[in-house]
Each structure stands twice: as structure tokens, then as C-alpha cells.
């Protein structure tokens, strides 16, 4: 009878240590965090004339990547001004990712 309690105690200690190690791996911090773009303004949204304007506080060069709702990249460009030509896109809903210096932002873009 004492042997059964000993084995049960060993199993409990084993499962407890496994659960603690699993929790430790979940709480690891991210190695690289990107900051948000300050003063980001995307207009007009929805786009009707084929041009969208992207302004930020820094107004430096921006890398623009546009994805459709299935995650397929449909447009990638680098702009130095505020104006982005999206007339080549079909009407629909898109995800636009904007990278400026070390900051990044993602928004929904509607093209009519």
C-alpha cells in the first residue's frame, strides 16, 4: 500500500514540474517589438478616385504593402510623398501595411 502512495506522489511531482515548465515557455517576452506610427492618417477611405493619401508625423519614406483578404500580396511600393496610386486594384476590401523607419501599422482599406 505504501508503494502505491509513493508512485502517486512521484507522478504528481512530475506532472507539476511539467506544467510549470510549460508556463515558463508561454511567458517569454517578444524579442523584437515594433512601435506604432505616430500621427498616421489614411484618407479617403473608402477610396473612390484611385488615390489614397498617407500622412504621418515624420512624413519620411514609407514602405507600403497591400494584401487582399486571402492574404495575397497585391501591391508593394515605396513612397516618399503622401500620395499612393491604387487605381490598379479591383474594388474590394484590402489590408494595408505601412512601414516607416522602425514603426509599422496595419489598417483596412476599401476601394470602390
N, C-alpha and C. Protein backbone atom coordinates (compact mmCIF):
# COMPACT_ATOMS: atom_id res chain seq x y z
N UNK A 1 0.82 -1.19 0.00
CA UNK A 1 0.00 0.00 0.00
C UNK A 1 0.87 1.26 0.00
N UNK A 2 1.97 1.23 0.75
CA UNK A 2 2.88 2.38 0.80
C UNK A 2 3.53 2.61 -0.56
N UNK A 3 3.77 1.53 -1.32
CA UNK A 3 4.37 1.67 -2.64
C UNK A 3 3.45 2.45 -3.57
N UNK A 4 2.14 2.21 -3.49
CA UNK A 4 1.19 2.92 -4.34
C UNK A 4 1.20 4.42 -4.06
N UNK A 5 1.25 4.81 -2.79
CA UNK A 5 1.31 6.23 -2.45
C UNK A 5 2.62 6.85 -2.94
N UNK A 6 3.70 6.11 -2.86
CA UNK A 6 4.99 6.61 -3.32
C UNK A 6 4.93 6.88 -4.83
N UNK A 7 4.38 5.95 -5.62
CA UNK A 7 4.28 6.14 -7.06
C UNK A 7 3.34 7.29 -7.42
N UNK A 8 2.27 7.41 -6.69
CA UNK A 8 1.33 8.52 -6.94
C UNK A 8 2.01 9.85 -6.65
N UNK A 9 2.79 9.92 -5.57
CA UNK A 9 3.50 11.15 -5.23
C UNK A 9 4.53 11.49 -6.30
N UNK A 10 5.25 10.50 -6.80
CA UNK A 10 6.23 10.74 -7.86
C UNK A 10 5.55 11.26 -9.11
N UNK A 11 4.42 10.67 -9.48
CA UNK A 11 3.68 11.13 -10.66
C UNK A 11 3.18 12.56 -10.49
N UNK A 12 2.68 12.89 -9.29
CA UNK A 12 2.20 14.25 -9.06
C UNK A 12 3.34 15.26 -9.17
N UNK A 13 4.49 14.96 -8.63
CA UNK A 13 5.64 15.86 -8.72
C UNK A 13 6.05 16.02 -10.19
N UNK A 14 6.05 14.94 -10.95
CA UNK A 14 6.41 15.01 -12.36
C UNK A 14 5.45 15.90 -13.14
N UNK A 15 4.14 15.68 -12.97
CA UNK A 15 3.16 16.49 -13.70
C UNK A 15 3.20 17.95 -13.27
N UNK A 16 3.44 18.22 -12.01
CA UNK A 16 3.53 19.59 -11.53
C UNK A 16 4.74 20.29 -12.16
N UNK A 17 5.88 19.62 -12.24
CA UNK A 17 7.07 20.23 -12.83
C UNK A 17 6.89 20.45 -14.33
N UNK A 18 6.19 19.54 -15.01
CA UNK A 18 5.93 19.72 -16.44
C UNK A 18 5.02 20.91 -16.67
N UNK A 19 4.01 21.08 -15.83
CA UNK A 19 3.11 22.22 -16.01
C UNK A 19 3.81 23.54 -15.73
N UNK A 20 4.73 23.56 -14.77
CA UNK A 20 5.49 24.79 -14.51
C UNK A 20 6.40 25.14 -15.67
N UNK A 21 7.05 24.16 -16.26
CA UNK A 21 7.93 24.45 -17.39
C UNK A 21 7.13 24.91 -18.61
N UNK A 22 5.92 24.40 -18.78
CA UNK A 22 5.06 24.84 -19.89
C UNK A 22 4.64 26.29 -19.70
N UNK A 23 4.37 26.70 -18.46
CA UNK A 23 4.00 28.08 -18.20
C UNK A 23 5.18 29.01 -18.42
N UNK A 24 6.39 28.57 -18.10
CA UNK A 24 7.58 29.39 -18.31
C UNK A 24 7.79 29.68 -19.79
N UNK A 25 7.54 28.72 -20.65
CA UNK A 25 7.75 28.94 -22.07
C UNK A 25 6.70 29.87 -22.66
N UNK A 26 5.51 29.91 -22.09
CA UNK A 26 4.46 30.79 -22.60
C UNK A 26 4.74 32.25 -22.28
N UNK A 27 5.46 32.54 -21.21
CA UNK A 27 5.62 33.90 -20.73
C UNK A 27 6.90 34.56 -21.22
N UNK A 28 7.56 34.01 -22.23
CA UNK A 28 8.77 34.63 -22.73
C UNK A 28 8.40 35.89 -23.50
N UNK A 29 9.13 36.97 -23.26
CA UNK A 29 8.82 38.23 -23.95
C UNK A 29 9.22 38.18 -25.41
N UNK A 30 8.60 39.04 -26.19
CA UNK A 30 8.96 39.14 -27.60
C UNK A 30 10.34 39.76 -27.71
N UNK A 31 11.11 39.26 -28.65
CA UNK A 31 12.46 39.77 -28.83
C UNK A 31 12.47 41.10 -29.56
N UNK A 32 11.57 41.28 -30.52
CA UNK A 32 11.55 42.50 -31.30
C UNK A 32 10.14 43.06 -31.28
N UNK A 33 10.01 44.27 -30.79
CA UNK A 33 8.71 44.93 -30.78
C UNK A 33 8.78 46.14 -31.70
N UNK A 34 7.78 46.29 -32.53
CA UNK A 34 7.74 47.46 -33.39
C UNK A 34 6.78 48.47 -32.78
N UNK A 35 7.13 49.72 -32.90
CA UNK A 35 6.28 50.76 -32.35
C UNK A 35 5.26 51.18 -33.40
N UNK A 36 4.25 51.86 -32.96
CA UNK A 36 3.21 52.34 -33.87
C UNK A 36 3.67 53.63 -34.52
N UNK A 37 3.09 53.95 -35.65
CA UNK A 37 3.45 55.16 -36.38
C UNK A 37 2.67 56.33 -35.78
N UNK A 38 3.39 57.34 -35.34
CA UNK A 38 2.74 58.50 -34.71
C UNK A 38 2.07 59.37 -35.76
N UNK A 39 0.86 59.79 -35.46
CA UNK A 39 0.12 60.72 -36.31
C UNK A 39 -0.30 60.15 -37.65
N UNK A 40 -0.48 58.83 -37.73
CA UNK A 40 -0.86 58.21 -39.00
C UNK A 40 -2.27 58.62 -39.39
N UNK A 41 -2.41 59.07 -40.64
CA UNK A 41 -3.71 59.45 -41.17
C UNK A 41 -3.81 58.89 -42.59
N UNK A 42 -4.83 58.09 -42.84
CA UNK A 42 -5.06 57.43 -44.13
C UNK A 42 -6.41 57.91 -44.65
N UNK A 43 -6.40 58.64 -45.77
CA UNK A 43 -7.65 59.20 -46.28
C UNK A 43 -7.59 59.32 -47.79
N UNK A 44 -8.66 59.35 -48.54
CA UNK A 44 -10.01 58.99 -48.11
C UNK A 44 -10.14 57.47 -48.04
N UNK A 45 -10.95 57.04 -47.15
CA UNK A 45 -11.21 55.61 -47.01
C UNK A 45 -12.71 55.46 -46.78
N UNK A 46 -13.49 55.01 -47.72
CA UNK A 46 -13.17 54.28 -48.93
C UNK A 46 -12.60 55.16 -50.04
N UNK A 47 -11.73 54.57 -50.85
CA UNK A 47 -11.08 55.24 -51.97
C UNK A 47 -12.01 55.16 -53.18
N UNK A 48 -12.28 56.33 -53.80
CA UNK A 48 -13.16 56.34 -54.97
C UNK A 48 -12.44 56.85 -56.22
N UNK A 49 -11.38 57.64 -56.05
CA UNK A 49 -10.72 58.23 -57.21
C UNK A 49 -9.39 57.56 -57.57
N UNK A 50 -9.04 56.45 -56.94
CA UNK A 50 -7.82 55.73 -57.27
C UNK A 50 -6.58 56.23 -56.56
N UNK A 51 -6.73 57.22 -55.68
CA UNK A 51 -5.60 57.74 -54.94
C UNK A 51 -5.93 57.80 -53.46
N UNK A 52 -4.97 57.37 -52.64
CA UNK A 52 -5.12 57.44 -51.19
C UNK A 52 -3.93 58.23 -50.66
N UNK A 53 -4.16 59.03 -49.63
CA UNK A 53 -3.12 59.88 -49.05
C UNK A 53 -2.78 59.35 -47.67
N UNK A 54 -1.49 59.20 -47.42
CA UNK A 54 -0.99 58.67 -46.15
C UNK A 54 -0.06 59.72 -45.55
N UNK A 55 -0.47 60.29 -44.43
CA UNK A 55 0.38 61.28 -43.78
C UNK A 55 0.71 60.81 -42.37
N UNK A 56 1.90 61.16 -41.92
CA UNK A 56 2.36 60.82 -40.57
C UNK A 56 3.05 62.03 -39.96
N UNK A 57 3.41 61.90 -38.71
CA UNK A 57 4.09 62.99 -38.02
C UNK A 57 5.46 63.25 -38.64
N UNK A 58 6.20 62.18 -38.99
CA UNK A 58 7.55 62.34 -39.55
C UNK A 58 7.56 62.64 -41.04
N UNK A 59 6.57 62.16 -41.77
CA UNK A 59 6.48 62.30 -43.23
C UNK A 59 7.77 61.87 -43.93
N UNK A 60 8.36 60.76 -43.49
CA UNK A 60 9.54 60.23 -44.16
C UNK A 60 9.11 59.13 -45.13
N UNK A 61 10.08 58.48 -45.79
CA UNK A 61 9.77 57.42 -46.75
C UNK A 61 9.00 56.29 -46.07
N UNK A 62 8.05 55.74 -46.81
CA UNK A 62 7.20 54.67 -46.27
C UNK A 62 7.20 53.50 -47.24
N UNK A 63 7.29 52.29 -46.68
CA UNK A 63 7.09 51.09 -47.48
C UNK A 63 5.64 50.69 -47.31
N UNK A 64 4.95 50.50 -48.43
CA UNK A 64 3.54 50.16 -48.42
C UNK A 64 3.36 48.77 -49.01
N UNK A 65 2.66 47.91 -48.28
CA UNK A 65 2.32 46.58 -48.78
C UNK A 65 0.81 46.42 -48.62
N UNK A 66 0.14 46.03 -49.71
CA UNK A 66 -1.31 45.86 -49.67
C UNK A 66 -1.62 44.39 -49.96
N UNK A 67 -2.46 43.80 -49.10
CA UNK A 67 -2.88 42.41 -49.22
C UNK A 67 -4.38 42.35 -49.47
N UNK A 68 -4.82 41.33 -50.21
CA UNK A 68 -6.26 41.10 -50.30
C UNK A 68 -6.69 40.32 -49.05
N UNK A 69 -7.97 40.03 -48.95
CA UNK A 69 -8.47 39.37 -47.74
C UNK A 69 -8.03 37.93 -47.60
N UNK A 70 -7.51 37.35 -48.67
CA UNK A 70 -6.97 35.98 -48.59
C UNK A 70 -5.51 35.97 -48.19
N UNK A 71 -4.92 37.16 -48.02
CA UNK A 71 -3.53 37.25 -47.60
C UNK A 71 -2.54 37.33 -48.74
N UNK A 72 -3.02 37.42 -49.97
CA UNK A 72 -2.13 37.51 -51.13
C UNK A 72 -1.67 38.96 -51.31
N UNK A 73 -0.36 39.14 -51.50
CA UNK A 73 0.18 40.48 -51.70
C UNK A 73 -0.20 40.96 -53.08
N UNK A 74 -0.89 42.10 -53.16
CA UNK A 74 -1.33 42.62 -54.45
C UNK A 74 -0.58 43.87 -54.87
N UNK A 75 0.09 44.54 -53.92
CA UNK A 75 0.84 45.75 -54.25
C UNK A 75 1.91 45.97 -53.20
N UNK A 76 3.12 46.29 -53.65
CA UNK A 76 4.20 46.65 -52.73
C UNK A 76 4.98 47.78 -53.38
N UNK A 77 5.18 48.86 -52.63
CA UNK A 77 5.87 50.01 -53.18
C UNK A 77 6.50 50.83 -52.06
N UNK A 78 7.36 51.74 -52.45
CA UNK A 78 8.00 52.67 -51.52
C UNK A 78 7.60 54.07 -51.96
N UNK A 79 7.03 54.85 -51.04
CA UNK A 79 6.61 56.21 -51.41
C UNK A 79 7.37 57.22 -50.55
N UNK A 80 7.66 58.36 -51.16
CA UNK A 80 8.32 59.43 -50.44
C UNK A 80 7.38 60.61 -50.21
N UNK A 81 6.26 60.62 -50.93
CA UNK A 81 5.26 61.67 -50.75
C UNK A 81 4.08 61.10 -49.98
N UNK A 82 3.00 61.85 -49.94
CA UNK A 82 1.80 61.38 -49.23
C UNK A 82 0.86 60.59 -50.13
N UNK A 83 1.03 60.67 -51.43
CA UNK A 83 0.06 60.11 -52.38
C UNK A 83 0.44 58.69 -52.80
N UNK A 84 -0.56 57.79 -52.77
CA UNK A 84 -0.38 56.42 -53.23
C UNK A 84 -1.45 56.12 -54.28
N UNK A 85 -1.02 55.65 -55.44
CA UNK A 85 -1.93 55.33 -56.53
C UNK A 85 -2.39 53.89 -56.38
N UNK A 86 -3.69 53.69 -56.18
CA UNK A 86 -4.26 52.35 -56.04
C UNK A 86 -5.28 52.06 -57.14
N UNK A 87 -5.15 52.78 -58.26
CA UNK A 87 -6.12 52.61 -59.35
C UNK A 87 -6.01 51.23 -60.00
N UNK A 88 -4.89 50.53 -59.82
CA UNK A 88 -4.74 49.19 -60.40
C UNK A 88 -5.49 48.12 -59.61
N UNK A 89 -5.97 48.47 -58.41
CA UNK A 89 -6.68 47.49 -57.58
C UNK A 89 -8.15 47.41 -57.96
N UNK A 90 -8.68 46.20 -57.96
CA UNK A 90 -10.11 46.00 -58.18
C UNK A 90 -10.88 46.48 -56.96
N UNK A 91 -12.14 46.86 -57.14
CA UNK A 91 -12.95 47.26 -55.98
C UNK A 91 -13.04 46.11 -54.96
N UNK A 92 -12.90 46.46 -53.69
CA UNK A 92 -12.97 45.46 -52.64
C UNK A 92 -12.33 45.94 -51.35
N UNK A 93 -12.15 45.02 -50.44
CA UNK A 93 -11.57 45.31 -49.13
C UNK A 93 -10.15 44.75 -49.10
N UNK A 94 -9.21 45.55 -48.61
CA UNK A 94 -7.81 45.18 -48.56
C UNK A 94 -7.23 45.49 -47.18
N UNK A 95 -6.09 44.91 -46.91
CA UNK A 95 -5.32 45.22 -45.70
C UNK A 95 -4.07 45.95 -46.16
N UNK A 96 -3.82 47.14 -45.60
CA UNK A 96 -2.64 47.91 -45.97
C UNK A 96 -1.68 47.94 -44.78
N UNK A 97 -0.43 47.59 -45.05
CA UNK A 97 0.60 47.62 -44.02
C UNK A 97 1.57 48.74 -44.38
N UNK A 98 1.81 49.62 -43.42
CA UNK A 98 2.66 50.79 -43.64
C UNK A 98 3.87 50.67 -42.71
N UNK A 99 5.07 50.71 -43.28
CA UNK A 99 6.31 50.68 -42.51
C UNK A 99 7.03 52.00 -42.71
N UNK A 100 7.34 52.67 -41.59
CA UNK A 100 8.07 53.93 -41.65
C UNK A 100 9.16 53.89 -40.58
N UNK A 101 10.42 53.96 -41.01
CA UNK A 101 11.57 53.83 -40.12
C UNK A 101 11.44 52.53 -39.33
N UNK A 102 11.37 52.56 -38.00
CA UNK A 102 11.25 51.34 -37.20
C UNK A 102 9.83 51.10 -36.71
N UNK A 103 8.88 51.82 -37.27
CA UNK A 103 7.49 51.70 -36.84
C UNK A 103 6.65 51.08 -37.95
N UNK A 104 5.55 50.47 -37.55
CA UNK A 104 4.67 49.85 -38.53
C UNK A 104 3.23 49.94 -38.08
N UNK A 105 2.32 49.94 -39.05
CA UNK A 105 0.88 49.99 -38.75
C UNK A 105 0.13 49.23 -39.83
N UNK A 106 -1.01 48.67 -39.45
CA UNK A 106 -1.85 47.93 -40.38
C UNK A 106 -3.26 48.49 -40.29
N UNK A 107 -3.87 48.73 -41.44
CA UNK A 107 -5.23 49.28 -41.50
C UNK A 107 -6.04 48.55 -42.56
N UNK A 108 -7.34 48.73 -42.49
CA UNK A 108 -8.25 48.22 -43.52
C UNK A 108 -8.42 49.30 -44.57
N UNK A 109 -8.38 48.91 -45.84
CA UNK A 109 -8.52 49.86 -46.95
C UNK A 109 -9.65 49.36 -47.85
N UNK A 110 -10.59 50.24 -48.15
CA UNK A 110 -11.72 49.89 -49.00
C UNK A 110 -11.57 50.66 -50.31
N UNK A 111 -11.61 49.94 -51.43
CA UNK A 111 -11.51 50.53 -52.76
C UNK A 111 -12.86 50.33 -53.45
N UNK A 112 -13.43 51.44 -53.94
CA UNK A 112 -14.72 51.36 -54.63
C UNK A 112 -14.54 51.63 -56.10
